[in-house]
Amino acid sequence: MKKKKTTYRLAMKEQSSCSLHEPEIAYGQSQRDVDVYAVISQKELDENCLTLAESKRLIMEKIHKHFTP
C-alpha cells in the first residue's frame, strides 16, 4: 500500500522568499457529542466502588506486606 504524497504550495505573496505552507486542515466539533454525560447512580457506586478510606487502607496493606519479611 503506497502512502499518499503530500503536496506543498508556495504562498503567493511569499514566492520570492521560497517559503512553503502545509496543506490546510480544518477540524470541527460534532453536535452529537456536545452535552452528553455518563451518569452513574449512587446505588451503583455504593455497590461496586471503594470509598477513599477503603482504597487507602488496601494500598497501605499491600505496601506493608511487600516490605515486611
PDB file of N, CA and C in Angstrom:
ATOM      1  N   MET A   1       0.845  -1.169   0.000  1.00  0.00           N
ATOM      2  CA  MET A   1       0.000   0.000   0.000  1.00  0.00           C
ATOM      3  C   MET A   1       0.896   1.241   0.000  1.00  0.00           C
ATOM      4  N   LYS A   2       0.693   2.106  -0.957  1.00  0.00           N
ATOM      5  CA  LYS A   2       1.504   3.312  -1.068  1.00  0.00           C
ATOM      6  C   LYS A   2       0.936   4.425  -0.214  1.00  0.00           C
ATOM      7  N   LYS A   3       1.838   5.242   0.316  1.00  0.00           N
ATOM      8  CA  LYS A   3       1.407   6.408   1.072  1.00  0.00           C
ATOM      9  C   LYS A   3       1.064   7.534   0.109  1.00  0.00           C
ATOM     10  N   LYS A   4       0.058   8.290   0.458  1.00  0.00           N
ATOM     11  CA  LYS A   4      -0.328   9.430  -0.357  1.00  0.00           C
ATOM     12  C   LYS A   4       0.717  10.529  -0.183  1.00  0.00           C
ATOM     13  N   LYS A   5       1.169  11.082  -1.278  1.00  0.00           N
ATOM     14  CA  LYS A   5       2.160  12.150  -1.216  1.00  0.00           C
ATOM     15  C   LYS A   5       1.492  13.458  -0.832  1.00  0.00           C
ATOM     16  N   THR A   6       2.140  14.178   0.058  1.00  0.00           N
ATOM     17  CA  THR A   6       1.644  15.487   0.458  1.00  0.00           C
ATOM     18  C   THR A   6       2.250  16.528  -0.463  1.00  0.00           C
ATOM     19  N   THR A   7       1.410  17.354  -1.029  1.00  0.00           N
ATOM     20  CA  THR A   7       1.913  18.412  -1.898  1.00  0.00           C
ATOM     21  C   THR A   7       1.925  19.720  -1.135  1.00  0.00           C
ATOM     22  N   TYR A   8       3.003  20.420  -1.254  1.00  0.00           N
ATOM     23  CA  TYR A   8       3.157  21.713  -0.608  1.00  0.00           C
ATOM     24  C   TYR A   8       3.057  22.800  -1.666  1.00  0.00           C
ATOM     25  N   ARG A   9       2.520  23.959  -1.275  1.00  0.00           N
ATOM     26  CA  ARG A   9       2.373  25.048  -2.233  1.00  0.00           C
ATOM     27  C   ARG A   9       3.089  26.281  -1.704  1.00  0.00           C
ATOM     28  N   LEU A  10       3.509  27.110  -2.609  1.00  0.00           N
ATOM     29  CA  LEU A  10       4.136  28.376  -2.240  1.00  0.00           C
ATOM     30  C   LEU A  10       3.057  29.424  -2.028  1.00  0.00           C
ATOM     31  N   ALA A  11       3.226  30.223  -1.009  1.00  0.00           N
ATOM     32  CA  ALA A  11       2.291  31.324  -0.784  1.00  0.00           C
ATOM     33  C   ALA A  11       2.529  32.375  -1.855  1.00  0.00           C
ATOM     34  N   MET A  12       1.451  32.943  -2.368  1.00  0.00           N
ATOM     35  CA  MET A  12       1.566  33.903  -3.470  1.00  0.00           C
ATOM     36  C   MET A  12       2.413  35.109  -3.091  1.00  0.00           C
ATOM     37  N   LYS A  13       2.188  35.664  -1.927  1.00  0.00           N
ATOM     38  CA  LYS A  13       2.931  36.862  -1.557  1.00  0.00           C
ATOM     39  C   LYS A  13       4.339  36.544  -1.072  1.00  0.00           C
ATOM     40  N   GLU A  14       4.609  35.268  -0.779  1.00  0.00           N
ATOM     41  CA  GLU A  14       5.924  34.908  -0.262  1.00  0.00           C
ATOM     42  C   GLU A  14       6.726  34.076  -1.260  1.00  0.00           C
ATOM     43  N   GLN A  15       6.373  34.086  -2.535  1.00  0.00           N
ATOM     44  CA  GLN A  15       7.085  33.276  -3.510  1.00  0.00           C
ATOM     45  C   GLN A  15       8.540  33.690  -3.630  1.00  0.00           C
ATOM     46  N   SER A  16       8.810  34.946  -3.437  1.00  0.00           N
ATOM     47  CA  SER A  16      10.187  35.396  -3.565  1.00  0.00           C
ATOM     48  C   SER A  16      11.056  34.888  -2.418  1.00  0.00           C
ATOM     49  N   SER A  17      10.462  34.611  -1.258  1.00  0.00           N
ATOM     50  CA  SER A  17      11.248  34.130  -0.124  1.00  0.00           C
ATOM     51  C   SER A  17      11.299  32.602  -0.071  1.00  0.00           C
ATOM     52  N   CYS A  18      10.592  31.929  -0.997  1.00  0.00           N
ATOM     53  CA  CYS A  18      10.613  30.467  -1.116  1.00  0.00           C
ATOM     54  C   CYS A  18      10.153  29.748   0.149  1.00  0.00           C
ATOM     55  N   SER A  19       9.161  30.263   0.820  1.00  0.00           N
ATOM     56  CA  SER A  19       8.648  29.555   1.997  1.00  0.00           C
ATOM     57  C   SER A  19       7.481  28.663   1.579  1.00  0.00           C
ATOM     58  N   LEU A  20       7.387  27.493   2.185  1.00  0.00           N
ATOM     59  CA  LEU A  20       6.339  26.529   1.875  1.00  0.00           C
ATOM     60  C   LEU A  20       5.286  26.531   2.965  1.00  0.00           C
ATOM     61  N   HIS A  21       4.054  26.192   2.588  1.00  0.00           N
ATOM     62  CA  HIS A  21       2.958  26.092   3.546  1.00  0.00           C
ATOM     63  C   HIS A  21       2.367  24.696   3.471  1.00  0.00           C
ATOM     64  N   GLU A  22       2.100  24.109   4.636  1.00  0.00           N
ATOM     65  CA  GLU A  22       1.484  22.790   4.677  1.00  0.00           C
ATOM     66  C   GLU A  22       0.021  22.891   4.246  1.00  0.00           C
ATOM     67  N   PRO A  23      -0.525  21.796   3.731  1.00  0.00           N
ATOM     68  CA  PRO A  23      -1.944  21.803   3.351  1.00  0.00           C
ATOM     69  C   PRO A  23      -2.814  22.152   4.562  1.00  0.00           C
ATOM     70  N   GLU A  24      -3.868  22.922   4.334  1.00  0.00           N
ATOM     71  CA  GLU A  24      -4.730  23.347   5.428  1.00  0.00           C
ATOM     72  C   GLU A  24      -5.732  22.250   5.766  1.00  0.00           C
ATOM     73  N   ILE A  25      -5.903  22.000   7.055  1.00  0.00           N
ATOM     74  CA  ILE A  25      -6.861  21.012   7.536  1.00  0.00           C
ATOM     75  C   ILE A  25      -7.735  21.695   8.567  1.00  0.00           C
ATOM     76  N   ALA A  26      -9.041  21.521   8.454  1.00  0.00           N
ATOM     77  CA  ALA A  26      -9.964  22.124   9.417  1.00  0.00           C
ATOM     78  C   ALA A  26     -10.680  21.015  10.186  1.00  0.00           C
ATOM     79  N   TYR A  27     -10.771  21.172  11.476  1.00  0.00           N
ATOM     80  CA  TYR A  27     -11.468  20.224  12.334  1.00  0.00           C
ATOM     81  C   TYR A  27     -12.677  20.914  12.947  1.00  0.00           C
ATOM     82  N   GLY A  28     -13.766  20.209  13.052  1.00  0.00           N
ATOM     83  CA  GLY A  28     -14.977  20.767  13.650  1.00  0.00           C
ATOM     84  C   GLY A  28     -15.509  19.850  14.730  1.00  0.00           C
ATOM     85  N   GLN A  29     -16.337  20.384  15.592  1.00  0.00           N
ATOM     86  CA  GLN A  29     -16.929  19.616  16.677  1.00  0.00           C
ATOM     87  C   GLN A  29     -18.306  19.122  16.256  1.00  0.00           C
ATOM     88  N   SER A  30     -18.541  17.861  16.479  1.00  0.00           N
ATOM     89  CA  SER A  30     -19.826  17.268  16.128  1.00  0.00           C
ATOM     90  C   SER A  30     -20.880  17.680  17.145  1.00  0.00           C
ATOM     91  N   GLN A  31     -22.063  18.011  16.679  1.00  0.00           N
ATOM     92  CA  GLN A  31     -23.144  18.400  17.582  1.00  0.00           C
ATOM     93  C   GLN A  31     -23.648  17.206  18.393  1.00  0.00           C
ATOM     94  N   ARG A  32     -23.456  16.000  17.883  1.00  0.00           N
ATOM     95  CA  ARG A  32     -23.908  14.813  18.605  1.00  0.00           C
ATOM     96  C   ARG A  32     -23.131  14.612  19.902  1.00  0.00           C
ATOM     97  N   ASP A  33     -21.857  15.036  19.941  1.00  0.00           N
ATOM     98  CA  ASP A  33     -21.004  14.794  21.092  1.00  0.00           C
ATOM     99  C   ASP A  33     -21.102  15.881  22.152  1.00  0.00           C
ATOM    100  N   VAL A  34     -21.838  16.936  21.888  1.00  0.00           N
ATOM    101  CA  VAL A  34     -21.926  18.050  22.820  1.00  0.00           C
ATOM    102  C   VAL A  34     -22.978  17.749  23.888  1.00  0.00           C
ATOM    103  N   ASP A  35     -22.649  18.039  25.129  1.00  0.00           N
ATOM    104  CA  ASP A  35     -23.559  17.892  26.267  1.00  0.00           C
ATOM    105  C   ASP A  35     -24.047  16.461  26.487  1.00  0.00           C
ATOM    106  N   VAL A  36     -23.169  15.481  26.293  1.00  0.00           N
ATOM    107  CA  VAL A  36     -23.507  14.094  26.572  1.00  0.00           C
ATOM    108  C   VAL A  36     -22.646  13.651  27.750  1.00  0.00           C
ATOM    109  N   TYR A  37     -23.299  13.310  28.855  1.00  0.00           N
ATOM    110  CA  TYR A  37     -22.577  12.922  30.062  1.00  0.00           C
ATOM    111  C   TYR A  37     -23.031  11.535  30.509  1.00  0.00           C
ATOM    112  N   ALA A  38     -22.080  10.740  30.956  1.00  0.00           N
ATOM    113  CA  ALA A  38     -22.421   9.442  31.527  1.00  0.00           C
ATOM    114  C   ALA A  38     -22.842   9.658  32.974  1.00  0.00           C
ATOM    115  N   VAL A  39     -23.898   8.994  33.389  1.00  0.00           N
ATOM    116  CA  VAL A  39     -24.413   9.163  34.742  1.00  0.00           C
ATOM    117  C   VAL A  39     -24.442   7.799  35.424  1.00  0.00           C
ATOM    118  N   ILE A  40     -23.907   7.746  36.648  1.00  0.00           N
ATOM    119  CA  ILE A  40     -23.927   6.533  37.455  1.00  0.00           C
ATOM    120  C   ILE A  40     -24.732   6.835  38.708  1.00  0.00           C
ATOM    121  N   SER A  41     -25.641   5.946  39.036  1.00  0.00           N
ATOM    122  CA  SER A  41     -26.477   6.179  40.216  1.00  0.00           C
ATOM    123  C   SER A  41     -25.669   5.973  41.495  1.00  0.00           C
ATOM    124  N   GLN A  42     -26.104   6.603  42.565  1.00  0.00           N
ATOM    125  CA  GLN A  42     -25.427   6.459  43.855  1.00  0.00           C
ATOM    126  C   GLN A  42     -25.499   5.013  44.334  1.00  0.00           C
ATOM    127  N   LYS A  43     -26.600   4.328  44.047  1.00  0.00           N
ATOM    128  CA  LYS A  43     -26.747   2.922  44.445  1.00  0.00           C
ATOM    129  C   LYS A  43     -25.677   2.060  43.777  1.00  0.00           C
ATOM    130  N   GLU A  44     -25.459   2.280  42.485  1.00  0.00           N
ATOM    131  CA  GLU A  44     -24.446   1.517  41.757  1.00  0.00           C
ATOM    132  C   GLU A  44     -23.047   1.824  42.275  1.00  0.00           C
ATOM    133  N   LEU A  45     -22.784   3.089  42.592  1.00  0.00           N
ATOM    134  CA  LEU A  45     -21.493   3.456  43.168  1.00  0.00           C
ATOM    135  C   LEU A  45     -21.271   2.763  44.506  1.00  0.00           C
ATOM    136  N   ASP A  46     -22.299   2.760  45.348  1.00  0.00           N
ATOM    137  CA  ASP A  46     -22.181   2.132  46.665  1.00  0.00           C
ATOM    138  C   ASP A  46     -21.936   0.634  46.562  1.00  0.00           C
ATOM    139  N   GLU A  47     -22.545  -0.019  45.574  1.00  0.00           N
ATOM    140  CA  GLU A  47     -22.410  -1.468  45.433  1.00  0.00           C
ATOM    141  C   GLU A  47     -21.093  -1.884  44.785  1.00  0.00           C
ATOM    142  N   ASN A  48     -20.554  -1.083  43.866  1.00  0.00           N
ATOM    143  CA  ASN A  48     -19.429  -1.525  43.046  1.00  0.00           C
ATOM    144  C   ASN A  48     -18.116  -0.790  43.267  1.00  0.00           C
ATOM    145  N   CYS A  49     -18.103   0.248  44.080  1.00  0.00           N
ATOM    146  CA  CYS A  49     -16.892   1.057  44.211  1.00  0.00           C
ATOM    147  C   CYS A  49     -16.398   1.091  45.650  1.00  0.00           C
ATOM    148  N   LEU A  50     -15.099   1.362  45.790  1.00  0.00           N
ATOM    149  CA  LEU A  50     -14.492   1.519  47.106  1.00  0.00           C
ATOM    150  C   LEU A  50     -14.547   2.978  47.521  1.00  0.00           C
ATOM    151  N   THR A  51     -14.637   3.187  48.823  1.00  0.00           N
ATOM    152  CA  THR A  51     -14.506   4.556  49.309  1.00  0.00           C
ATOM    153  C   THR A  51     -13.031   4.911  49.322  1.00  0.00           C
ATOM    154  N   LEU A  52     -12.725   6.175  49.465  1.00  0.00           N
ATOM    155  CA  LEU A  52     -11.335   6.608  49.503  1.00  0.00           C
ATOM    156  C   LEU A  52     -10.613   5.989  50.690  1.00  0.00           C
ATOM    157  N   ALA A  53     -11.262   5.915  51.831  1.00  0.00           N
ATOM    158  CA  ALA A  53     -10.651   5.328  53.028  1.00  0.00           C
ATOM    159  C   ALA A  53     -10.332   3.847  52.809  1.00  0.00           C
ATOM    160  N   GLU A  54     -11.261   3.093  52.185  1.00  0.00           N
ATOM    161  CA  GLU A  54     -11.015   1.678  51.905  1.00  0.00           C
ATOM    162  C   GLU A  54      -9.855   1.508  50.933  1.00  0.00           C
ATOM    163  N   SER A  55      -9.808   2.356  49.930  1.00  0.00           N
ATOM    164  CA  SER A  55      -8.740   2.286  48.944  1.00  0.00           C
ATOM    165  C   SER A  55      -7.383   2.549  49.589  1.00  0.00           C
ATOM    166  N   LYS A  56      -7.302   3.575  50.418  1.00  0.00           N
ATOM    167  CA  LYS A  56      -6.043   3.884  51.117  1.00  0.00           C
ATOM    168  C   LYS A  56      -5.623   2.726  52.014  1.00  0.00           C
ATOM    169  N   ARG A  57      -6.588   2.144  52.729  1.00  0.00           N
ATOM    170  CA  ARG A  57      -6.287   1.025  53.628  1.00  0.00           C
ATOM    171  C   ARG A  57      -5.721  -0.161  52.847  1.00  0.00           C
ATOM    172  N   LEU A  58      -6.324  -0.510  51.723  1.00  0.00           N
ATOM    173  CA  LEU A  58      -5.842  -1.633  50.916  1.00  0.00           C
ATOM    174  C   LEU A  58      -4.448  -1.370  50.352  1.00  0.00           C
ATOM    175  N   ILE A  59      -4.201  -0.153  49.919  1.00  0.00           N
ATOM    176  CA  ILE A  59      -2.876   0.197  49.395  1.00  0.00           C
ATOM    177  C   ILE A  59      -1.830   0.090  50.492  1.00  0.00           C
ATOM    178  N   MET A  60      -2.151   0.609  51.673  1.00  0.00           N
ATOM    179  CA  MET A  60      -1.197   0.537  52.782  1.00  0.00           C
ATOM    180  C   MET A  60      -0.937  -0.909  53.195  1.00  0.00           C
ATOM    181  N   GLU A  61      -1.952  -1.769  53.163  1.00  0.00           N
ATOM    182  CA  GLU A  61      -1.757  -3.184  53.479  1.00  0.00           C
ATOM    183  C   GLU A  61      -0.831  -3.846  52.468  1.00  0.00           C
ATOM    184  N   LYS A  62      -1.012  -3.540  51.179  1.00  0.00           N
ATOM    185  CA  LYS A  62      -0.141  -4.116  50.147  1.00  0.00           C
ATOM    186  C   LYS A  62       1.295  -3.645  50.311  1.00  0.00           C
ATOM    187  N   ILE A  63       1.478  -2.366  50.625  1.00  0.00           N
ATOM    188  CA  ILE A  63       2.831  -1.832  50.842  1.00  0.00           C
ATOM    189  C   ILE A  63       3.458  -2.508  52.052  1.00  0.00           C
ATOM    190  N   HIS A  64       2.697  -2.640  53.118  1.00  0.00           N
ATOM    191  CA  HIS A  64       3.205  -3.266  54.341  1.00  0.00           C
ATOM    192  C   HIS A  64       3.614  -4.716  54.073  1.00  0.00           C
ATOM    193  N   LYS A  65       2.778  -5.471  53.336  1.00  0.00           N
ATOM    194  CA  LYS A  65       3.097  -6.863  53.019  1.00  0.00           C
ATOM    195  C   LYS A  65       4.341  -6.958  52.138  1.00  0.00           C
ATOM    196  N   HIS A  66       4.514  -6.000  51.236  1.00  0.00           N
ATOM    197  CA  HIS A  66       5.651  -6.032  50.316  1.00  0.00           C
ATOM    198  C   HIS A  66       6.975  -5.811  51.049  1.00  0.00           C
ATOM    199  N   PHE A  67       6.993  -4.901  52.017  1.00  0.00           N
ATOM    200  CA  PHE A  67       8.242  -4.548  52.679  1.00  0.00           C
ATOM    201  C   PHE A  67       8.476  -5.296  53.989  1.00  0.00           C
ATOM    202  N   THR A  68       7.497  -6.061  54.461  1.00  0.00           N
ATOM    203  CA  THR A  68       7.672  -6.823  55.693  1.00  0.00           C
ATOM    204  C   THR A  68       8.070  -8.249  55.320  1.00  0.00           C
ATOM    205  N   PRO A  69       9.200  -8.729  55.889  1.00  0.00           N
ATOM    206  CA  PRO A  69       9.652 -10.095  55.545  1.00  0.00           C
ATOM    207  C   PRO A  69       8.785 -11.183  56.123  1.00  0.00           C
TER     208      PRO A  69
END
